[in-house]
Amino acid sequence: MAIRSLSKPAGHPLAAAMLGMFLDGFDLSIMAIALLPLTRVWQLSPGQTGSIMAMVLIGSFVGALGGGWVSDAFGRRRLLLPNILLYGVGALWSACSPDLLQLEIGRFLTGVAIGLDYPLVATIVAEFSATARRGRGFAWINLSWFVGALASSVLGWALLPLGDTSWRWMLGSAVLPVFLLGWLRRDLPESPRWLWRRGEQKRAAAALAALHPDWDAATQEQALQGYTGQSLPLRDLFRGVWRRRLILAILPWFLLDMVSLGIALYLPEVLREQSWVASSQAAAAINAALLVLSALAIAYVLPRLDRWGRIPLQMAGFALMALGLTIFAWAATGDHALVVLLGAALYAIGLGLGPAVTVIALAVELFPTPWRGTVSGWATAISRLGAVSSALLFPILQRDLGLAWVLLLTAALAGLATLVSWRYRVESRAQSLEALEIAAR
C-alpha cells in the first residue's frame, strides 16, 4: 500500500504549528501593552477596556467551534491558509480603526482566525508526531506562544515612545509573521491518519511518504495499518469513559483561561495603577520578565514531559499558580512591591510548568481521529468563554472588590483546577493515539 511516487516533500509540520501559536501569543499579549497608550488617548472606561479585550476572545470562540468541525469533516489542510489571510485582515483593520466599534470589529476578526488555528495546530502536533516525542511537540508549540508573547512585549516597549499612535503600530505589526506562516504551510500534507480513517488509502500512503521519506515500504505499511480504528457516533462522547475524558479535556482548560487571561491582559496596567512601577516602560519590562519565567519553565519540562506525564505536571503547575496568586493577593493589601513580584513569579513558573502545555495536549490526545478536531475545538471554545469572563470581569471586579480579592478568587479557581485534574485524571504519556482510543472502549 505504501506509495512513494505520489509524494512530494512535506512542509515542516512542527514549525508551521509553532509559528501559528507564536501569532496567538503575540496578538493577545501585544494588546496588554497597547492598552497603556490607548486607555489614555481614548479615555476608556473599565467596561470599554474589557469589551476590547473580550472581542478577540469571542471571535476565538466562534472560530474554534467552526474550525474543529471543519478539520474533522473536510481535513486538516482545509483551514491552513484561509485563517492566515483572515488574521492579516483583522490585524490591519484593528490598527487603522478610527473608533471603538471599528477596533472591536478588527479584534473580533483576529480572534476568529486564532480560534480556527487552535484545534488545527493541536491536531497537527498530535497526528504528525511520533509517540515518544508527542509531548515534546506540545511543549514546543506552547513555548512558541510565550516567545510570541515576549516578542510582543519587547516590541510594544520599543514602540511606546511613539506616543499616542504607538498602539496602532503595535497592532499592525502582527501582519509581519503572517507571510512566513503562509510559506511554511504551503506544502504541508494532509494528515495520514485522517485520510486512512476516511478510506482514502492511496492519499494516506502518499501523505505518510511525504512526512517520512526515509521510511521503507514495510515501515510505511505497518504505520498505516496502525491507524485503523472503529467508527464511533459522536453521541458516545457524552457516555462512560469518553465523558470522563471530555471533562478532563474541557474543565481544566476553562479554569486556566479564567485564571490567566485577566492576569495576562491587565498586569502591566495594574502595576502602573498601583504605583509599583514608575512608568509604562517599566510595567512592560516586568511583564516581559514574567513571560520569560513561564517560557523557561516550559523549556525545563520540554525534554521531561514524555517521561513525567501530563497529569502530575498539570496538577503541580496549577497548585504553584494558586500559591503565587495567594502571595500576590496578600502583598497587594500593603506596600510590598517585592513580594508582589515574588508571587507573580511563582504564578508564572507554575503556568509554564504544566497547564500551559498539558491542557492543549489532553484535549487532542485522548480522543480518536474522527473526533479529535471537534473536541479540541469545543475545548478551545469553552476555554474562551472563561477567557471572555476574565477579560470582562477583571477590571470591573478590581474596581468594585479591590485587587486582593480578585487575586484570591483566581487562586481559588487554580486550586479547583488542581482537584479536577486529579479527579478525572487519564495519563496519555508514552501511549500511541490508537492505544489511547482502544483503552477507552
Protein backbone atom coordinates (compact mmCIF):
# COMPACT_ATOMS: atom_id res chain seq x y z
CA MET A 1 0.00 0.00 0.00
CA ALA A 2 2.94 2.36 0.64
CA ILE A 3 3.37 4.79 -2.26
CA ARG A 4 6.50 6.85 -2.72
CA SER A 5 5.98 8.07 -6.25
CA LEU A 6 2.86 10.06 -5.39
CA SER A 7 4.51 12.01 -2.59
CA LYS A 8 6.30 15.31 -2.61
CA PRO A 9 8.49 16.79 0.12
CA ALA A 10 6.40 17.75 3.11
CA GLY A 11 6.41 21.12 4.73
CA HIS A 12 7.58 21.50 8.30
CA PRO A 13 4.59 20.44 10.47
CA LEU A 14 6.04 21.36 13.85
CA ALA A 15 7.45 24.67 12.60
CA ALA A 16 4.11 25.52 10.99
CA ALA A 17 2.30 24.71 14.23
CA MET A 18 4.81 26.65 16.33
CA LEU A 19 4.51 29.81 14.26
CA GLY A 20 0.70 29.63 14.49
CA MET A 21 0.95 29.59 18.28
CA PHE A 22 3.57 32.35 18.13
CA LEU A 23 0.99 34.56 16.39
CA ASP A 24 -1.62 33.83 19.04
CA GLY A 25 0.75 34.70 21.87
CA PHE A 26 1.94 37.78 20.01
CA ASP A 27 -1.55 39.10 19.32
CA LEU A 28 -3.08 38.58 22.77
CA SER A 29 -0.06 39.97 24.59
CA ILE A 30 0.56 43.00 22.37
CA MET A 31 -2.86 44.23 23.41
CA ALA A 32 -1.76 44.36 27.04
CA ILE A 33 0.93 46.87 26.06
CA ALA A 34 -1.24 48.69 23.51
CA LEU A 35 -3.76 49.43 26.27
CA LEU A 36 -1.24 51.63 28.07
CA PRO A 37 -1.41 54.45 25.46
CA LEU A 38 -4.88 53.53 24.13
CA THR A 39 -6.60 53.85 27.52
CA ARG A 40 -5.15 57.31 27.94
CA VAL A 41 -5.78 58.57 24.40
CA TRP A 42 -9.38 57.33 24.10
CA GLN A 43 -10.19 57.78 27.82
CA LEU A 44 -11.55 54.25 28.07
CA SER A 45 -13.74 53.15 30.97
CA PRO A 46 -13.18 49.72 32.63
CA GLY A 47 -16.18 48.37 30.73
CA GLN A 48 -14.84 49.59 27.38
CA THR A 49 -11.41 48.16 28.14
CA GLY A 50 -12.96 44.81 28.96
CA SER A 51 -15.03 44.95 25.77
CA ILE A 52 -11.96 45.46 23.57
CA MET A 53 -10.18 42.60 25.27
CA ALA A 54 -13.21 40.34 25.05
CA MET A 55 -13.82 40.75 21.31
CA VAL A 56 -10.77 38.76 20.25
CA LEU A 57 -11.79 36.02 22.67
CA ILE A 58 -15.39 35.96 21.44
CA GLY A 59 -14.06 35.69 17.90
CA SER A 60 -11.79 32.86 19.02
CA PHE A 61 -14.81 31.07 20.48
CA VAL A 62 -16.62 31.27 17.14
CA GLY A 63 -13.55 30.24 15.15
CA ALA A 64 -12.71 27.26 17.37
CA LEU A 65 -16.21 25.80 17.17
CA GLY A 66 -16.23 26.05 13.39
CA GLY A 67 -12.58 25.17 12.85
CA GLY A 68 -12.63 21.96 14.86
CA TRP A 69 -15.67 20.63 13.00
CA VAL A 70 -14.29 21.61 9.57
CA SER A 71 -10.96 19.87 10.25
CA ASP A 72 -12.75 16.63 11.13
CA ALA A 73 -15.27 16.82 8.29
CA PHE A 74 -13.08 18.10 5.44
CA GLY A 75 -9.47 17.59 6.53
CA ARG A 76 -6.70 19.31 8.46
CA ARG A 77 -5.39 21.18 5.41
CA ARG A 78 -8.67 22.94 4.60
CA LEU A 79 -8.07 25.82 7.02
CA LEU A 80 -4.29 26.14 6.82
CA LEU A 81 -4.24 29.25 4.61
CA PRO A 82 -7.70 30.93 4.90
CA ASN A 83 -7.25 31.63 8.58
CA ILE A 84 -3.85 33.24 7.91
CA LEU A 85 -5.47 35.67 5.48
CA LEU A 86 -8.23 36.46 7.98
CA TYR A 87 -5.62 37.09 10.67
CA GLY A 88 -3.83 39.65 8.50
CA VAL A 89 -7.11 41.43 7.67
CA GLY A 90 -8.05 41.60 11.34
CA ALA A 91 -4.67 43.00 12.38
CA LEU A 92 -4.73 45.76 9.75
CA TRP A 93 -8.38 46.60 10.50
CA SER A 94 -7.53 46.96 14.19
CA ALA A 95 -4.51 49.17 13.52
CA CYS A 96 -6.49 51.53 11.28
CA SER A 97 -9.62 51.76 13.46
CA PRO A 98 -11.00 55.29 13.81
CA ASP A 99 -13.26 54.48 16.76
CA LEU A 100 -14.12 51.88 19.39
CA LEU A 101 -16.63 49.98 17.25
CA GLN A 102 -14.19 49.51 14.36
CA LEU A 103 -11.46 48.41 16.76
CA GLU A 104 -13.80 45.82 18.23
CA ILE A 105 -14.64 44.51 14.74
CA GLY A 106 -10.94 44.20 13.91
CA ARG A 107 -10.25 42.37 17.15
CA PHE A 108 -13.18 40.03 16.50
CA LEU A 109 -11.84 39.08 13.04
CA THR A 110 -8.41 38.45 14.51
CA GLY A 111 -9.99 36.28 17.18
CA VAL A 112 -11.86 34.17 14.63
CA ALA A 113 -8.56 33.48 12.85
CA ILE A 114 -6.89 32.47 16.13
CA GLY A 115 -9.81 30.23 17.03
CA LEU A 116 -9.68 28.48 13.67
CA ASP A 117 -6.00 27.77 14.19
CA TYR A 118 -6.05 26.33 17.71
CA PRO A 119 -7.67 22.92 17.03
CA LEU A 120 -5.77 22.73 13.76
CA VAL A 121 -2.37 23.29 15.37
CA ALA A 122 -3.04 20.87 18.23
CA THR A 123 -4.28 18.16 15.87
CA ILE A 124 -1.26 18.53 13.58
CA VAL A 125 1.11 18.07 16.52
CA ALA A 126 -0.80 15.03 17.81
CA GLU A 127 -1.15 13.27 14.46
CA PHE A 128 2.21 14.14 12.90
CA SER A 129 4.41 13.34 15.92
CA ALA A 130 5.98 10.07 16.99
CA THR A 131 4.53 8.68 20.23
CA ALA A 132 7.77 9.05 22.16
CA ARG A 133 8.11 12.73 21.19
CA ARG A 134 4.47 13.86 21.07
CA GLY A 135 4.58 15.59 24.45
CA ARG A 136 7.74 17.38 23.40
CA GLY A 137 5.88 18.71 20.34
CA PHE A 138 3.17 20.19 22.55
CA ALA A 139 5.83 21.78 24.74
CA TRP A 140 7.45 23.34 21.67
CA ILE A 141 4.23 24.92 20.40
CA ASN A 142 3.39 26.33 23.82
CA LEU A 143 6.91 27.62 24.22
CA SER A 144 6.30 29.37 20.91
CA TRP A 145 3.21 31.03 22.41
CA PHE A 146 5.34 32.54 25.16
CA VAL A 147 8.07 33.52 22.71
CA GLY A 148 5.37 35.33 20.73
CA ALA A 149 4.07 36.98 23.88
CA LEU A 150 7.60 38.00 24.86
CA ALA A 151 8.33 39.34 21.38
CA SER A 152 5.18 41.46 21.51
CA SER A 153 6.11 42.82 24.94
CA VAL A 154 9.57 43.79 23.74
CA LEU A 155 8.20 45.33 20.56
CA GLY A 156 5.46 47.13 22.48
CA TRP A 157 8.04 48.54 24.90
CA ALA A 158 10.15 49.73 21.94
CA LEU A 159 7.14 51.38 20.26
CA LEU A 160 5.80 53.17 23.35
CA PRO A 161 7.97 56.27 22.71
CA LEU A 162 5.93 56.89 19.53
CA GLY A 163 3.25 58.28 21.82
CA ASP A 164 -0.45 58.48 21.02
CA THR A 165 -0.20 56.42 17.80
CA SER A 166 2.05 53.72 19.22
CA TRP A 167 -0.85 51.32 19.79
CA ARG A 168 -1.66 51.37 16.06
CA TRP A 169 1.87 50.30 15.16
CA MET A 170 1.72 47.58 17.80
CA LEU A 171 -1.49 46.03 16.46
CA GLY A 172 -0.45 46.43 12.81
CA SER A 173 2.89 44.74 13.41
CA ALA A 174 1.09 41.41 13.78
CA VAL A 175 0.85 41.10 9.98
CA LEU A 176 4.60 40.61 9.63
CA PRO A 177 4.76 36.92 10.70
CA VAL A 178 1.73 36.09 8.51
CA PHE A 179 3.81 35.84 5.34
CA LEU A 180 6.29 33.44 6.92
CA LEU A 181 3.45 31.27 8.25
CA GLY A 182 1.90 31.07 4.78
CA TRP A 183 5.22 29.96 3.31
CA LEU A 184 5.74 27.28 5.97
CA ARG A 185 2.28 25.81 5.45
CA ARG A 186 2.16 25.83 1.67
CA ASP A 187 3.31 22.20 1.21
CA LEU A 188 2.07 20.66 4.45
CA PRO A 189 0.35 17.35 3.56
CA GLU A 190 -2.99 16.14 4.80
CA SER A 191 -2.96 14.01 7.95
CA PRO A 192 -2.35 10.35 7.01
CA ARG A 193 -4.45 9.28 9.98
CA TRP A 194 -7.42 11.36 8.83
CA LEU A 195 -7.14 10.11 5.25
CA TRP A 196 -6.83 6.46 6.30
CA ARG A 197 -9.87 6.62 8.56
CA ARG A 198 -11.81 8.19 5.66
CA GLY A 199 -10.94 5.22 3.45
CA GLU A 200 -8.51 7.17 1.20
CA GLN A 201 -5.67 4.68 1.43
CA LYS A 202 -3.63 5.88 -1.55
CA ARG A 203 -3.66 9.50 -0.42
CA ALA A 204 -2.84 8.43 3.14
CA ALA A 205 0.19 6.46 1.87
CA ALA A 206 1.38 9.43 -0.23
CA ALA A 207 1.00 11.83 2.70
CA LEU A 208 2.88 9.47 5.02
CA ALA A 209 5.68 9.10 2.47
CA ALA A 210 5.94 12.89 2.23
CA LEU A 211 6.22 13.16 6.00
CA HIS A 212 8.71 10.28 6.33
CA PRO A 213 10.65 9.92 3.07
CA ASP A 214 13.29 7.84 4.89
CA TRP A 215 10.84 5.05 5.76
CA ASP A 216 10.86 1.88 3.70
CA ALA A 217 7.67 0.33 2.31
CA ALA A 218 7.26 -2.15 5.17
CA THR A 219 7.53 0.57 7.83
CA GLN A 220 5.00 2.72 6.00
CA GLU A 221 2.59 -0.18 5.65
CA GLN A 222 2.85 -1.03 9.35
CA ALA A 223 2.18 2.57 10.33
CA LEU A 224 -0.84 2.85 8.03
CA GLN A 225 -2.39 -0.35 9.34
CA GLY A 226 -1.99 1.00 12.85
CA TYR A 227 -4.26 3.94 12.01
CA THR A 228 -7.27 1.64 11.63
CA GLY A 229 -9.98 2.30 14.18
CA GLN A 230 -13.62 1.74 14.97
CA SER A 231 -16.22 4.22 13.72
CA LEU A 232 -17.98 5.85 16.69
CA PRO A 233 -21.07 8.09 16.76
CA LEU A 234 -20.42 11.50 18.27
CA ARG A 235 -23.13 10.99 20.90
CA ASP A 236 -20.85 8.42 22.60
CA LEU A 237 -18.68 11.32 23.74
CA PHE A 238 -21.20 12.03 26.49
CA ARG A 239 -21.19 8.49 27.89
CA GLY A 240 -18.98 6.48 30.20
CA VAL A 241 -15.22 6.71 29.75
CA TRP A 242 -15.49 9.30 26.97
CA ARG A 243 -17.49 11.65 29.22
CA ARG A 244 -14.77 11.43 31.86
CA ARG A 245 -12.17 12.30 29.25
CA LEU A 246 -14.32 15.15 27.94
CA ILE A 247 -14.48 16.72 31.39
CA LEU A 248 -10.70 16.42 31.76
CA ALA A 249 -10.20 17.97 28.32
CA ILE A 250 -12.53 20.92 28.87
CA LEU A 251 -12.85 21.97 32.52
CA PRO A 252 -9.17 22.50 33.49
CA TRP A 253 -8.60 24.50 30.29
CA PHE A 254 -11.67 26.62 31.03
CA LEU A 255 -10.40 27.28 34.56
CA LEU A 256 -6.89 28.03 33.25
CA ASP A 257 -8.23 30.78 30.99
CA MET A 258 -10.45 32.13 33.79
CA VAL A 259 -7.31 32.48 35.90
CA SER A 260 -4.68 33.50 33.39
CA LEU A 261 -6.24 35.81 30.80
CA GLY A 262 -7.10 38.59 33.23
CA ILE A 263 -3.56 38.47 34.61
CA ALA A 264 -2.02 38.36 31.15
CA LEU A 265 -4.08 41.22 29.75
CA TYR A 266 -4.12 43.65 32.66
CA LEU A 267 -0.93 43.07 34.64
CA PRO A 268 1.01 46.00 33.10
CA GLU A 269 -1.95 48.31 33.80
CA VAL A 270 -2.24 47.01 37.39
CA LEU A 271 1.46 47.53 38.06
CA ARG A 272 1.20 51.11 36.86
CA GLU A 273 -2.08 51.91 38.64
CA GLN A 274 -0.80 50.57 41.98
CA SER A 275 2.40 52.64 41.63
CA TRP A 276 4.55 49.53 41.92
CA VAL A 277 6.44 50.76 38.85
CA ALA A 278 7.47 54.26 37.83
CA SER A 279 6.48 54.16 34.16
CA SER A 280 4.68 52.27 31.41
CA GLN A 281 8.05 51.10 30.10
CA ALA A 282 8.86 49.56 33.48
CA ALA A 283 5.47 47.80 33.56
CA ALA A 284 6.09 46.37 30.09
CA ALA A 285 9.57 45.21 31.15
CA ILE A 286 8.23 43.35 34.20
CA ASN A 287 5.52 41.78 32.07
CA ALA A 288 8.21 40.57 29.67
CA ALA A 289 10.29 39.17 32.55
CA LEU A 290 7.33 37.10 33.79
CA LEU A 291 6.79 35.74 30.29
CA VAL A 292 10.45 34.71 30.25
CA LEU A 293 9.92 32.79 33.51
CA SER A 294 6.96 30.90 32.01
CA ALA A 295 8.96 30.17 28.87
CA LEU A 296 11.91 28.90 30.93
CA ALA A 297 9.57 26.61 32.88
CA ILE A 298 8.27 25.14 29.61
CA ALA A 299 11.84 24.75 28.36
CA TYR A 300 12.64 22.87 31.57
CA VAL A 301 9.78 20.37 31.21
CA LEU A 302 10.15 20.05 27.42
CA PRO A 303 12.57 17.07 27.49
CA ARG A 304 10.79 15.57 30.53
CA LEU A 305 7.11 15.75 29.57
CA ASP A 306 7.10 12.37 27.86
CA ARG A 307 8.71 10.78 30.94
CA TRP A 308 6.95 12.56 33.81
CA GLY A 309 3.47 12.60 32.32
CA ARG A 310 0.77 15.20 31.71
CA ILE A 311 -1.33 14.88 34.87
CA PRO A 312 1.45 15.27 37.52
CA LEU A 313 2.78 18.37 35.77
CA GLN A 314 -0.70 19.84 35.29
CA MET A 315 -1.52 19.41 38.98
CA ALA A 316 1.83 20.78 40.16
CA GLY A 317 1.54 23.78 37.85
CA PHE A 318 -1.99 24.69 38.95
CA ALA A 319 -1.00 24.34 42.63
CA LEU A 320 2.00 26.64 42.17
CA MET A 321 -0.18 29.17 40.33
CA ALA A 322 -2.61 29.17 43.27
CA LEU A 323 0.23 29.71 45.74
CA GLY A 324 1.73 32.55 43.72
CA LEU A 325 -1.61 34.33 43.35
CA THR A 326 -2.29 34.00 47.09
CA ILE A 327 1.07 35.62 47.89
CA PHE A 328 0.36 38.31 45.29
CA ALA A 329 -3.04 38.99 46.92
CA TRP A 330 -1.51 39.35 50.40
CA ALA A 331 1.19 41.69 49.11
CA ALA A 332 -1.42 43.79 47.30
CA THR A 333 -3.02 44.73 50.64
CA GLY A 334 0.04 46.74 51.63
CA ASP A 335 3.18 48.34 50.28
CA HIS A 336 5.03 45.11 49.44
CA ALA A 337 6.21 45.59 45.89
CA LEU A 338 8.96 42.96 46.12
CA VAL A 339 6.55 40.36 47.50
CA VAL A 340 4.16 41.21 44.67
CA LEU A 341 6.89 40.32 42.22
CA LEU A 342 7.66 37.08 44.11
CA GLY A 343 4.03 35.98 43.94
CA ALA A 344 3.78 36.91 40.27
CA ALA A 345 6.99 34.98 39.56
CA LEU A 346 5.71 31.81 41.26
CA TYR A 347 2.47 32.11 39.30
CA ALA A 348 4.37 32.50 36.01
CA ILE A 349 6.58 29.47 36.73
CA GLY A 350 3.55 27.35 37.62
CA LEU A 351 1.80 28.34 34.42
CA GLY A 352 4.72 27.18 32.28
CA LEU A 353 5.49 24.13 34.39
CA GLY A 354 2.34 22.32 33.39
CA PRO A 355 -1.07 23.73 32.44
CA ALA A 356 0.08 25.93 29.57
CA VAL A 357 1.24 22.75 27.80
CA THR A 358 -0.88 19.93 29.16
CA VAL A 359 -4.43 21.24 28.67
CA ILE A 360 -3.94 21.54 24.91
CA ALA A 361 -2.28 18.12 24.71
CA LEU A 362 -5.01 16.29 26.62
CA ALA A 363 -7.77 17.84 24.51
CA VAL A 364 -6.46 16.04 21.40
CA GLU A 365 -4.55 13.01 22.66
CA LEU A 366 -7.47 11.41 24.49
CA PHE A 367 -9.85 11.23 21.52
CA PRO A 368 -9.97 9.23 18.25
CA THR A 369 -9.15 10.72 14.87
CA PRO A 370 -12.77 11.33 13.73
CA TRP A 371 -13.48 13.36 16.89
CA ARG A 372 -10.09 14.94 17.53
CA GLY A 373 -10.56 18.30 15.82
CA THR A 374 -14.13 18.67 17.06
CA VAL A 375 -13.27 18.03 20.71
CA SER A 376 -10.24 20.29 20.51
CA GLY A 377 -12.50 22.96 19.03
CA TRP A 378 -15.03 22.52 21.83
CA ALA A 379 -12.31 22.68 24.49
CA THR A 380 -10.78 25.78 22.90
CA ALA A 381 -14.18 27.46 22.53
CA ILE A 382 -15.25 26.78 26.11
CA SER A 383 -11.88 27.95 27.38
CA ARG A 384 -12.53 31.20 25.52
CA LEU A 385 -15.75 31.62 27.48
CA GLY A 386 -13.57 31.55 30.57
CA ALA A 387 -11.18 33.98 28.94
CA VAL A 388 -14.02 36.33 27.95
CA SER A 389 -15.35 36.25 31.51
CA SER A 390 -11.88 37.04 32.82
CA ALA A 391 -11.32 39.85 30.33
CA LEU A 392 -14.68 41.46 31.08
CA LEU A 393 -14.81 40.93 34.84
CA PHE A 394 -11.21 41.53 35.92
CA PRO A 395 -11.23 45.36 35.61
CA ILE A 396 -14.78 45.62 36.97
CA LEU A 397 -14.19 43.34 39.97
CA GLN A 398 -10.90 45.08 40.67
CA ARG A 399 -12.77 48.36 40.82
CA ASP A 400 -15.62 47.03 42.99
CA LEU A 401 -13.87 44.49 45.24
CA GLY A 402 -10.24 45.50 45.13
CA LEU A 403 -7.25 43.81 43.59
CA ALA A 404 -6.55 41.48 46.53
CA TRP A 405 -9.99 39.85 46.42
CA VAL A 406 -9.80 39.37 42.66
CA LEU A 407 -6.43 37.63 43.04
CA LEU A 408 -7.76 35.39 45.83
CA LEU A 409 -10.67 34.41 43.60
CA THR A 410 -8.32 33.45 40.78
CA ALA A 411 -6.16 31.50 43.25
CA ALA A 412 -9.25 29.51 44.30
CA LEU A 413 -10.01 28.72 40.65
CA ALA A 414 -6.45 27.44 40.16
CA GLY A 415 -6.89 25.25 43.24
CA LEU A 416 -10.16 23.89 41.81
CA ALA A 417 -8.36 23.06 38.55
CA THR A 418 -5.83 21.02 40.56
CA LEU A 419 -8.63 18.96 42.12
CA VAL A 420 -10.43 18.45 38.79
CA SER A 421 -7.21 17.26 37.17
CA TRP A 422 -6.80 14.66 39.92
CA ARG A 423 -10.45 13.54 39.98
CA TYR A 424 -10.71 12.91 36.22
CA ARG A 425 -7.09 12.00 35.52
CA VAL A 426 -6.21 9.97 32.42
CA GLU A 427 -2.50 9.76 31.61
CA SER A 428 -1.56 9.79 27.92
CA ARG A 429 2.22 9.60 28.32
CA ALA A 430 4.05 7.04 26.15
CA GLN A 431 0.87 5.71 24.51
CA SER A 432 0.02 5.92 20.83
CA LEU A 433 -3.16 7.74 19.84
CA GLU A 434 -4.67 4.45 18.72
CA ALA A 435 -3.74 2.70 22.02
CA LEU A 436 -5.45 5.50 23.95
CA GLU A 437 -8.53 5.01 21.77
CA ILE A 438 -8.59 1.24 22.33
CA ALA A 439 -8.20 1.69 26.11
CA ALA A 440 -11.44 3.68 26.23
CA ARG A 441 -13.61 1.01 24.61
